[in-house]
Amino acid sequence: MEVYRRLFDKGYDECRMGCTLACSHGVKDFVPTTGPPKGKKVYVDGPEYETIAECGSSNLSIFDLFAIIEINFY
């Protein structure tokens, strides 16, 4: 979790005011490795709990943090 914590935008930590779970995050200056924005800095609205759980190690056996963030971007 510490690796994720260093990537998250410090000013964005929840999807709505008062959310007790605060599972939604943002990643500033992420550089995708595929698609039209390849090599350009983008802001990723996430990864959220659902993306991490459903597209990560639980279901797809993806353990690469940056791949999960890029999946969330698309």
PDB file of N, CA and C in Angstrom:
ATOM      1  N   MET A   1       0.813  -1.194   0.000  1.00  0.00           N
ATOM      2  CA  MET A   1       0.000   0.000   0.000  1.00  0.00           C
ATOM      3  C   MET A   1       0.856   1.258   0.000  1.00  0.00           C
ATOM      4  N   GLU A   2       2.026   1.192   0.565  1.00  0.00           N
ATOM      5  CA  GLU A   2       2.909   2.354   0.609  1.00  0.00           C
ATOM      6  C   GLU A   2       3.306   2.801  -0.796  1.00  0.00           C
ATOM      7  N   VAL A   3       3.463   1.857  -1.711  1.00  0.00           N
ATOM      8  CA  VAL A   3       3.809   2.206  -3.091  1.00  0.00           C
ATOM      9  C   VAL A   3       2.685   3.024  -3.715  1.00  0.00           C
ATOM     10  N   TYR A   4       1.448   2.609  -3.532  1.00  0.00           N
ATOM     11  CA  TYR A   4       0.309   3.368  -4.036  1.00  0.00           C
ATOM     12  C   TYR A   4       0.267   4.757  -3.405  1.00  0.00           C
ATOM     13  N   ARG A   5       0.448   4.820  -2.111  1.00  0.00           N
ATOM     14  CA  ARG A   5       0.342   6.078  -1.379  1.00  0.00           C
ATOM     15  C   ARG A   5       1.279   7.144  -1.948  1.00  0.00           C
ATOM     16  N   ARG A   6       2.461   6.758  -2.394  1.00  0.00           N
ATOM     17  CA  ARG A   6       3.413   7.727  -2.944  1.00  0.00           C
ATOM     18  C   ARG A   6       2.966   8.247  -4.306  1.00  0.00           C
ATOM     19  N   LEU A   7       2.172   7.481  -5.045  1.00  0.00           N
ATOM     20  CA  LEU A   7       1.719   7.892  -6.373  1.00  0.00           C
ATOM     21  C   LEU A   7       0.487   8.788  -6.349  1.00  0.00           C
ATOM     22  N   PHE A   8      -0.352   8.659  -5.332  1.00  0.00           N
ATOM     23  CA  PHE A   8      -1.611   9.379  -5.297  1.00  0.00           C
ATOM     24  C   PHE A   8      -1.411  10.876  -5.161  1.00  0.00           C
ATOM     25  N   ASP A   9      -2.267  11.611  -5.840  1.00  0.00           N
ATOM     26  CA  ASP A   9      -2.327  13.058  -5.719  1.00  0.00           C
ATOM     27  C   ASP A   9      -2.823  13.381  -4.312  1.00  0.00           C
ATOM     28  N   LYS A  10      -2.050  14.131  -3.565  1.00  0.00           N
ATOM     29  CA  LYS A  10      -2.382  14.416  -2.160  1.00  0.00           C
ATOM     30  C   LYS A  10      -3.666  15.236  -2.009  1.00  0.00           C
ATOM     31  N   GLY A  11      -4.067  15.967  -3.056  1.00  0.00           N
ATOM     32  CA  GLY A  11      -5.243  16.808  -2.959  1.00  0.00           C
ATOM     33  C   GLY A  11      -6.529  16.120  -3.389  1.00  0.00           C
ATOM     34  N   TYR A  12      -6.476  14.847  -3.676  1.00  0.00           N
ATOM     35  CA  TYR A  12      -7.651  14.143  -4.199  1.00  0.00           C
ATOM     36  C   TYR A  12      -7.712  12.777  -3.553  1.00  0.00           C
ATOM     37  N   ASP A  13      -8.707  12.571  -2.701  1.00  0.00           N
ATOM     38  CA  ASP A  13      -8.735  11.268  -2.046  1.00  0.00           C
ATOM     39  C   ASP A  13     -10.126  10.687  -1.841  1.00  0.00           C
ATOM     40  N   GLU A  14     -11.124  11.267  -2.426  1.00  0.00           N
ATOM     41  CA  GLU A  14     -12.450  10.683  -2.307  1.00  0.00           C
ATOM     42  C   GLU A  14     -13.329  11.193  -3.434  1.00  0.00           C
ATOM     43  N   CYS A  15     -14.322  10.400  -3.781  1.00  0.00           N
ATOM     44  CA  CYS A  15     -15.194  10.770  -4.891  1.00  0.00           C
ATOM     45  C   CYS A  15     -16.275  11.757  -4.471  1.00  0.00           C
ATOM     46  N   ARG A  16     -16.576  11.793  -3.195  1.00  0.00           N
ATOM     47  CA  ARG A  16     -17.585  12.740  -2.709  1.00  0.00           C
ATOM     48  C   ARG A  16     -17.257  13.134  -1.274  1.00  0.00           C
ATOM     49  N   MET A  17     -17.704  14.321  -0.896  1.00  0.00           N
ATOM     50  CA  MET A  17     -17.445  14.823   0.455  1.00  0.00           C
ATOM     51  C   MET A  17     -18.032  13.877   1.496  1.00  0.00           C
ATOM     52  N   GLY A  18     -17.256  13.571   2.511  1.00  0.00           N
ATOM     53  CA  GLY A  18     -17.732  12.760   3.608  1.00  0.00           C
ATOM     54  C   GLY A  18     -17.647  11.262   3.410  1.00  0.00           C
ATOM     55  N   CYS A  19     -17.086  10.834   2.296  1.00  0.00           N
ATOM     56  CA  CYS A  19     -16.961   9.393   2.056  1.00  0.00           C
ATOM     57  C   CYS A  19     -16.024   8.792   3.097  1.00  0.00           C
ATOM     58  N   THR A  20     -16.469   7.765   3.789  1.00  0.00           N
ATOM     59  CA  THR A  20     -15.654   7.171   4.841  1.00  0.00           C
ATOM     60  C   THR A  20     -14.642   6.165   4.308  1.00  0.00           C
ATOM     61  N   LEU A  21     -14.876   5.633   3.120  1.00  0.00           N
ATOM     62  CA  LEU A  21     -13.957   4.655   2.550  1.00  0.00           C
ATOM     63  C   LEU A  21     -12.801   5.316   1.801  1.00  0.00           C
ATOM     64  N   ALA A  22     -13.073   6.413   1.116  1.00  0.00           N
ATOM     65  CA  ALA A  22     -12.076   7.156   0.346  1.00  0.00           C
ATOM     66  C   ALA A  22     -11.260   6.236  -0.559  1.00  0.00           C
ATOM     67  N   CYS A  23     -11.955   5.424  -1.341  1.00  0.00           N
ATOM     68  CA  CYS A  23     -11.268   4.470  -2.209  1.00  0.00           C
ATOM     69  C   CYS A  23     -10.863   5.083  -3.543  1.00  0.00           C
ATOM     70  N   SER A  24     -11.388   6.239  -3.848  1.00  0.00           N
ATOM     71  CA  SER A  24     -11.085   6.893  -5.122  1.00  0.00           C
ATOM     72  C   SER A  24      -9.865   7.788  -4.954  1.00  0.00           C
ATOM     73  N   HIS A  25      -8.974   7.722  -5.917  1.00  0.00           N
ATOM     74  CA  HIS A  25      -7.748   8.508  -5.856  1.00  0.00           C
ATOM     75  C   HIS A  25      -7.438   9.066  -7.228  1.00  0.00           C
ATOM     76  N   GLY A  26      -6.413   9.868  -7.304  1.00  0.00           N
ATOM     77  CA  GLY A  26      -5.943  10.391  -8.568  1.00  0.00           C
ATOM     78  C   GLY A  26      -4.445  10.249  -8.648  1.00  0.00           C
ATOM     79  N   VAL A  27      -3.930  10.090  -9.872  1.00  0.00           N
ATOM     80  CA  VAL A  27      -2.489   9.984 -10.090  1.00  0.00           C
ATOM     81  C   VAL A  27      -2.101  11.067 -11.087  1.00  0.00           C
ATOM     82  N   LYS A  28      -1.282  12.019 -10.639  1.00  0.00           N
ATOM     83  CA  LYS A  28      -0.800  13.104 -11.496  1.00  0.00           C
ATOM     84  C   LYS A  28       0.360  12.623 -12.354  1.00  0.00           C
ATOM     85  N   ASP A  29       0.467  13.214 -13.526  1.00  0.00           N
ATOM     86  CA  ASP A  29       1.624  13.007 -14.402  1.00  0.00           C
ATOM     87  C   ASP A  29       1.916  11.546 -14.705  1.00  0.00           C
ATOM     88  N   PHE A  30       0.869  10.747 -14.893  1.00  0.00           N
ATOM     89  CA  PHE A  30       1.054   9.352 -15.286  1.00  0.00           C
ATOM     90  C   PHE A  30       1.327   9.311 -16.782  1.00  0.00           C
ATOM     91  N   VAL A  31       2.258   8.466 -17.198  1.00  0.00           N
ATOM     92  CA  VAL A  31       2.623   8.359 -18.610  1.00  0.00           C
ATOM     93  C   VAL A  31       2.208   6.984 -19.132  1.00  0.00           C
ATOM     94  N   PRO A  32       1.114   6.923 -19.916  1.00  0.00           N
ATOM     95  CA  PRO A  32       0.668   5.645 -20.475  1.00  0.00           C
ATOM     96  C   PRO A  32       1.699   5.077 -21.453  1.00  0.00           C
ATOM     97  N   THR A  33       1.714   3.764 -21.562  1.00  0.00           N
ATOM     98  CA  THR A  33       2.650   3.100 -22.477  1.00  0.00           C
ATOM     99  C   THR A  33       1.956   2.604 -23.736  1.00  0.00           C
ATOM    100  N   THR A  34       0.636   2.829 -23.853  1.00  0.00           N
ATOM    101  CA  THR A  34      -0.120   2.388 -25.023  1.00  0.00           C
ATOM    102  C   THR A  34      -1.117   3.462 -25.441  1.00  0.00           C
ATOM    103  N   GLY A  35      -1.705   3.279 -26.606  1.00  0.00           N
ATOM    104  CA  GLY A  35      -2.785   4.138 -27.070  1.00  0.00           C
ATOM    105  C   GLY A  35      -2.343   5.516 -27.520  1.00  0.00           C
ATOM    106  N   PRO A  36      -3.303   6.353 -27.899  1.00  0.00           N
ATOM    107  CA  PRO A  36      -3.003   7.699 -28.401  1.00  0.00           C
ATOM    108  C   PRO A  36      -2.197   8.583 -27.442  1.00  0.00           C
ATOM    109  N   PRO A  37      -2.430   8.512 -26.114  1.00  0.00           N
ATOM    110  CA  PRO A  37      -1.637   9.373 -25.232  1.00  0.00           C
ATOM    111  C   PRO A  37      -0.274   8.775 -24.840  1.00  0.00           C
ATOM    112  N   LYS A  38       0.152   7.735 -25.526  1.00  0.00           N
ATOM    113  CA  LYS A  38       1.421   7.069 -25.198  1.00  0.00           C
ATOM    114  C   LYS A  38       2.553   8.092 -25.101  1.00  0.00           C
ATOM    115  N   GLY A  39       3.254   8.064 -23.964  1.00  0.00           N
ATOM    116  CA  GLY A  39       4.397   8.940 -23.748  1.00  0.00           C
ATOM    117  C   GLY A  39       4.059  10.333 -23.271  1.00  0.00           C
ATOM    118  N   LYS A  40       2.773  10.674 -23.154  1.00  0.00           N
ATOM    119  CA  LYS A  40       2.359  11.999 -22.696  1.00  0.00           C
ATOM    120  C   LYS A  40       1.842  11.897 -21.270  1.00  0.00           C
ATOM    121  N   LYS A  41       2.102  12.928 -20.477  1.00  0.00           N
ATOM    122  CA  LYS A  41       1.610  12.946 -19.100  1.00  0.00           C
ATOM    123  C   LYS A  41       0.109  13.173 -19.089  1.00  0.00           C
ATOM    124  N   VAL A  42      -0.593  12.356 -18.295  1.00  0.00           N
ATOM    125  CA  VAL A  42      -2.043  12.483 -18.140  1.00  0.00           C
ATOM    126  C   VAL A  42      -2.391  12.430 -16.656  1.00  0.00           C
ATOM    127  N   TYR A  43      -3.597  12.866 -16.335  1.00  0.00           N
ATOM    128  CA  TYR A  43      -4.098  12.729 -14.973  1.00  0.00           C
ATOM    129  C   TYR A  43      -5.066  11.551 -14.959  1.00  0.00           C
ATOM    130  N   VAL A  44      -4.830  10.596 -14.085  1.00  0.00           N
ATOM    131  CA  VAL A  44      -5.688   9.422 -13.997  1.00  0.00           C
ATOM    132  C   VAL A  44      -6.608   9.580 -12.789  1.00  0.00           C
ATOM    133  N   ASP A  45      -7.893   9.551 -13.057  1.00  0.00           N
ATOM    134  CA  ASP A  45      -8.902   9.632 -11.999  1.00  0.00           C
ATOM    135  C   ASP A  45      -9.075   8.225 -11.431  1.00  0.00           C
ATOM    136  N   GLY A  46      -8.200   7.856 -10.536  1.00  0.00           N
ATOM    137  CA  GLY A  46      -8.199   6.515  -9.963  1.00  0.00           C
ATOM    138  C   GLY A  46      -6.778   6.080  -9.693  1.00  0.00           C
ATOM    139  N   PRO A  47      -6.502   4.867  -9.433  1.00  0.00           N
ATOM    140  CA  PRO A  47      -7.402   3.733  -9.511  1.00  0.00           C
ATOM    141  C   PRO A  47      -8.311   3.661  -8.292  1.00  0.00           C
ATOM    142  N   GLU A  48      -9.519   3.279  -8.542  1.00  0.00           N
ATOM    143  CA  GLU A  48     -10.478   3.110  -7.474  1.00  0.00           C
ATOM    144  C   GLU A  48     -10.451   1.665  -6.984  1.00  0.00           C
ATOM    145  N   TYR A  49     -11.119   1.445  -5.884  1.00  0.00           N
ATOM    146  CA  TYR A  49     -11.173   0.116  -5.257  1.00  0.00           C
ATOM    147  C   TYR A  49     -11.581  -0.953  -6.265  1.00  0.00           C
ATOM    148  N   GLU A  50     -12.618  -0.646  -7.056  1.00  0.00           N
ATOM    149  CA  GLU A  50     -13.146  -1.639  -8.001  1.00  0.00           C
ATOM    150  C   GLU A  50     -12.108  -2.020  -9.057  1.00  0.00           C
ATOM    151  N   THR A  51     -11.385  -1.030  -9.573  1.00  0.00           N
ATOM    152  CA  THR A  51     -10.368  -1.318 -10.587  1.00  0.00           C
ATOM    153  C   THR A  51      -9.242  -2.155 -10.012  1.00  0.00           C
ATOM    154  N   ILE A  52      -8.799  -1.810  -8.827  1.00  0.00           N
ATOM    155  CA  ILE A  52      -7.712  -2.557  -8.197  1.00  0.00           C
ATOM    156  C   ILE A  52      -8.138  -3.998  -7.942  1.00  0.00           C
ATOM    157  N   ALA A  53      -9.361  -4.172  -7.437  1.00  0.00           N
ATOM    158  CA  ALA A  53      -9.834  -5.518  -7.100  1.00  0.00           C
ATOM    159  C   ALA A  53     -10.186  -6.338  -8.339  1.00  0.00           C
ATOM    160  N   GLU A  54     -10.946  -5.754  -9.249  1.00  0.00           N
ATOM    161  CA  GLU A  54     -11.448  -6.519 -10.395  1.00  0.00           C
ATOM    162  C   GLU A  54     -10.419  -6.682 -11.514  1.00  0.00           C
ATOM    163  N   CYS A  55      -9.530  -5.726 -11.680  1.00  0.00           N
ATOM    164  CA  CYS A  55      -8.543  -5.796 -12.777  1.00  0.00           C
ATOM    165  C   CYS A  55      -7.150  -6.133 -12.271  1.00  0.00           C
ATOM    166  N   GLY A  56      -7.001  -6.286 -10.988  1.00  0.00           N
ATOM    167  CA  GLY A  56      -5.697  -6.564 -10.414  1.00  0.00           C
ATOM    168  C   GLY A  56      -5.458  -8.033 -10.155  1.00  0.00           C
ATOM    169  N   SER A  57      -4.776  -8.302  -9.077  1.00  0.00           N
ATOM    170  CA  SER A  57      -4.350  -9.669  -8.770  1.00  0.00           C
ATOM    171  C   SER A  57      -5.509 -10.612  -8.470  1.00  0.00           C
ATOM    172  N   SER A  58      -6.622 -10.094  -7.959  1.00  0.00           N
ATOM    173  CA  SER A  58      -7.745 -10.959  -7.578  1.00  0.00           C
ATOM    174  C   SER A  58      -8.338 -11.732  -8.744  1.00  0.00           C
ATOM    175  N   ASN A  59      -8.604 -11.053  -9.854  1.00  0.00           N
ATOM    176  CA  ASN A  59      -9.290 -11.682 -10.976  1.00  0.00           C
ATOM    177  C   ASN A  59      -8.410 -11.942 -12.194  1.00  0.00           C
ATOM    178  N   LEU A  60      -7.517 -11.021 -12.499  1.00  0.00           N
ATOM    179  CA  LEU A  60      -6.738 -11.132 -13.736  1.00  0.00           C
ATOM    180  C   LEU A  60      -5.272 -11.480 -13.500  1.00  0.00           C
ATOM    181  N   SER A  61      -4.891 -11.620 -12.254  1.00  0.00           N
ATOM    182  CA  SER A  61      -3.502 -11.923 -11.887  1.00  0.00           C
ATOM    183  C   SER A  61      -2.521 -10.894 -12.435  1.00  0.00           C
ATOM    184  N   ILE A  62      -2.939  -9.626 -12.436  1.00  0.00           N
ATOM    185  CA  ILE A  62      -2.055  -8.531 -12.827  1.00  0.00           C
ATOM    186  C   ILE A  62      -1.497  -7.937 -11.540  1.00  0.00           C
ATOM    187  N   PHE A  63      -0.192  -8.008 -11.392  1.00  0.00           N
ATOM    188  CA  PHE A  63       0.454  -7.511 -10.181  1.00  0.00           C
ATOM    189  C   PHE A  63       1.232  -6.221 -10.424  1.00  0.00           C
ATOM    190  N   ASP A  64       1.224  -5.735 -11.661  1.00  0.00           N
ATOM    191  CA  ASP A  64       1.948  -4.521 -12.037  1.00  0.00           C
ATOM    192  C   ASP A  64       1.087  -3.298 -11.728  1.00  0.00           C
ATOM    193  N   LEU A  65       1.512  -2.519 -10.749  1.00  0.00           N
ATOM    194  CA  LEU A  65       0.785  -1.342 -10.312  1.00  0.00           C
ATOM    195  C   LEU A  65       0.526  -0.385 -11.463  1.00  0.00           C
ATOM    196  N   PHE A  66       1.512  -0.144 -12.308  1.00  0.00           N
ATOM    197  CA  PHE A  66       1.360   0.814 -13.392  1.00  0.00           C
ATOM    198  C   PHE A  66       0.401   0.304 -14.467  1.00  0.00           C
ATOM    199  N   ALA A  67       0.354  -0.995 -14.677  1.00  0.00           N
ATOM    200  CA  ALA A  67      -0.604  -1.574 -15.626  1.00  0.00           C
ATOM    201  C   ALA A  67      -2.032  -1.364 -15.118  1.00  0.00           C
ATOM    202  N   ILE A  68      -2.247  -1.533 -13.839  1.00  0.00           N
ATOM    203  CA  ILE A  68      -3.586  -1.326 -13.255  1.00  0.00           C
ATOM    204  C   ILE A  68      -4.003   0.127 -13.367  1.00  0.00           C
ATOM    205  N   ILE A  69      -3.081   1.037 -13.135  1.00  0.00           N
ATOM    206  CA  ILE A  69      -3.393   2.464 -13.285  1.00  0.00           C
ATOM    207  C   ILE A  69      -3.738   2.782 -14.732  1.00  0.00           C
ATOM    208  N   GLU A  70      -3.008   2.191 -15.672  1.00  0.00           N
ATOM    209  CA  GLU A  70      -3.292   2.442 -17.094  1.00  0.00           C
ATOM    210  C   GLU A  70      -4.636   1.836 -17.504  1.00  0.00           C
ATOM    211  N   ILE A  71      -4.958   0.654 -16.997  1.00  0.00           N
ATOM    212  CA  ILE A  71      -6.281   0.070 -17.255  1.00  0.00           C
ATOM    213  C   ILE A  71      -7.358   1.009 -16.743  1.00  0.00           C
ATOM    214  N   ASN A  72      -7.169   1.565 -15.565  1.00  0.00           N
ATOM    215  CA  ASN A  72      -8.141   2.496 -14.995  1.00  0.00           C
ATOM    216  C   ASN A  72      -8.274   3.738 -15.874  1.00  0.00           C
ATOM    217  N   PHE A  73      -7.180   4.212 -16.447  1.00  0.00           N
ATOM    218  CA  PHE A  73      -7.210   5.399 -17.316  1.00  0.00           C
ATOM    219  C   PHE A  73      -8.116   5.144 -18.524  1.00  0.00           C
ATOM    220  N   TYR A  74      -7.976   3.976 -19.132  1.00  0.00           N
ATOM    221  CA  TYR A  74      -8.784   3.675 -20.305  1.00  0.00           C
ATOM    222  C   TYR A  74     -10.182   3.266 -19.935  1.00  0.00           C
TER     223      TYR A  74
END
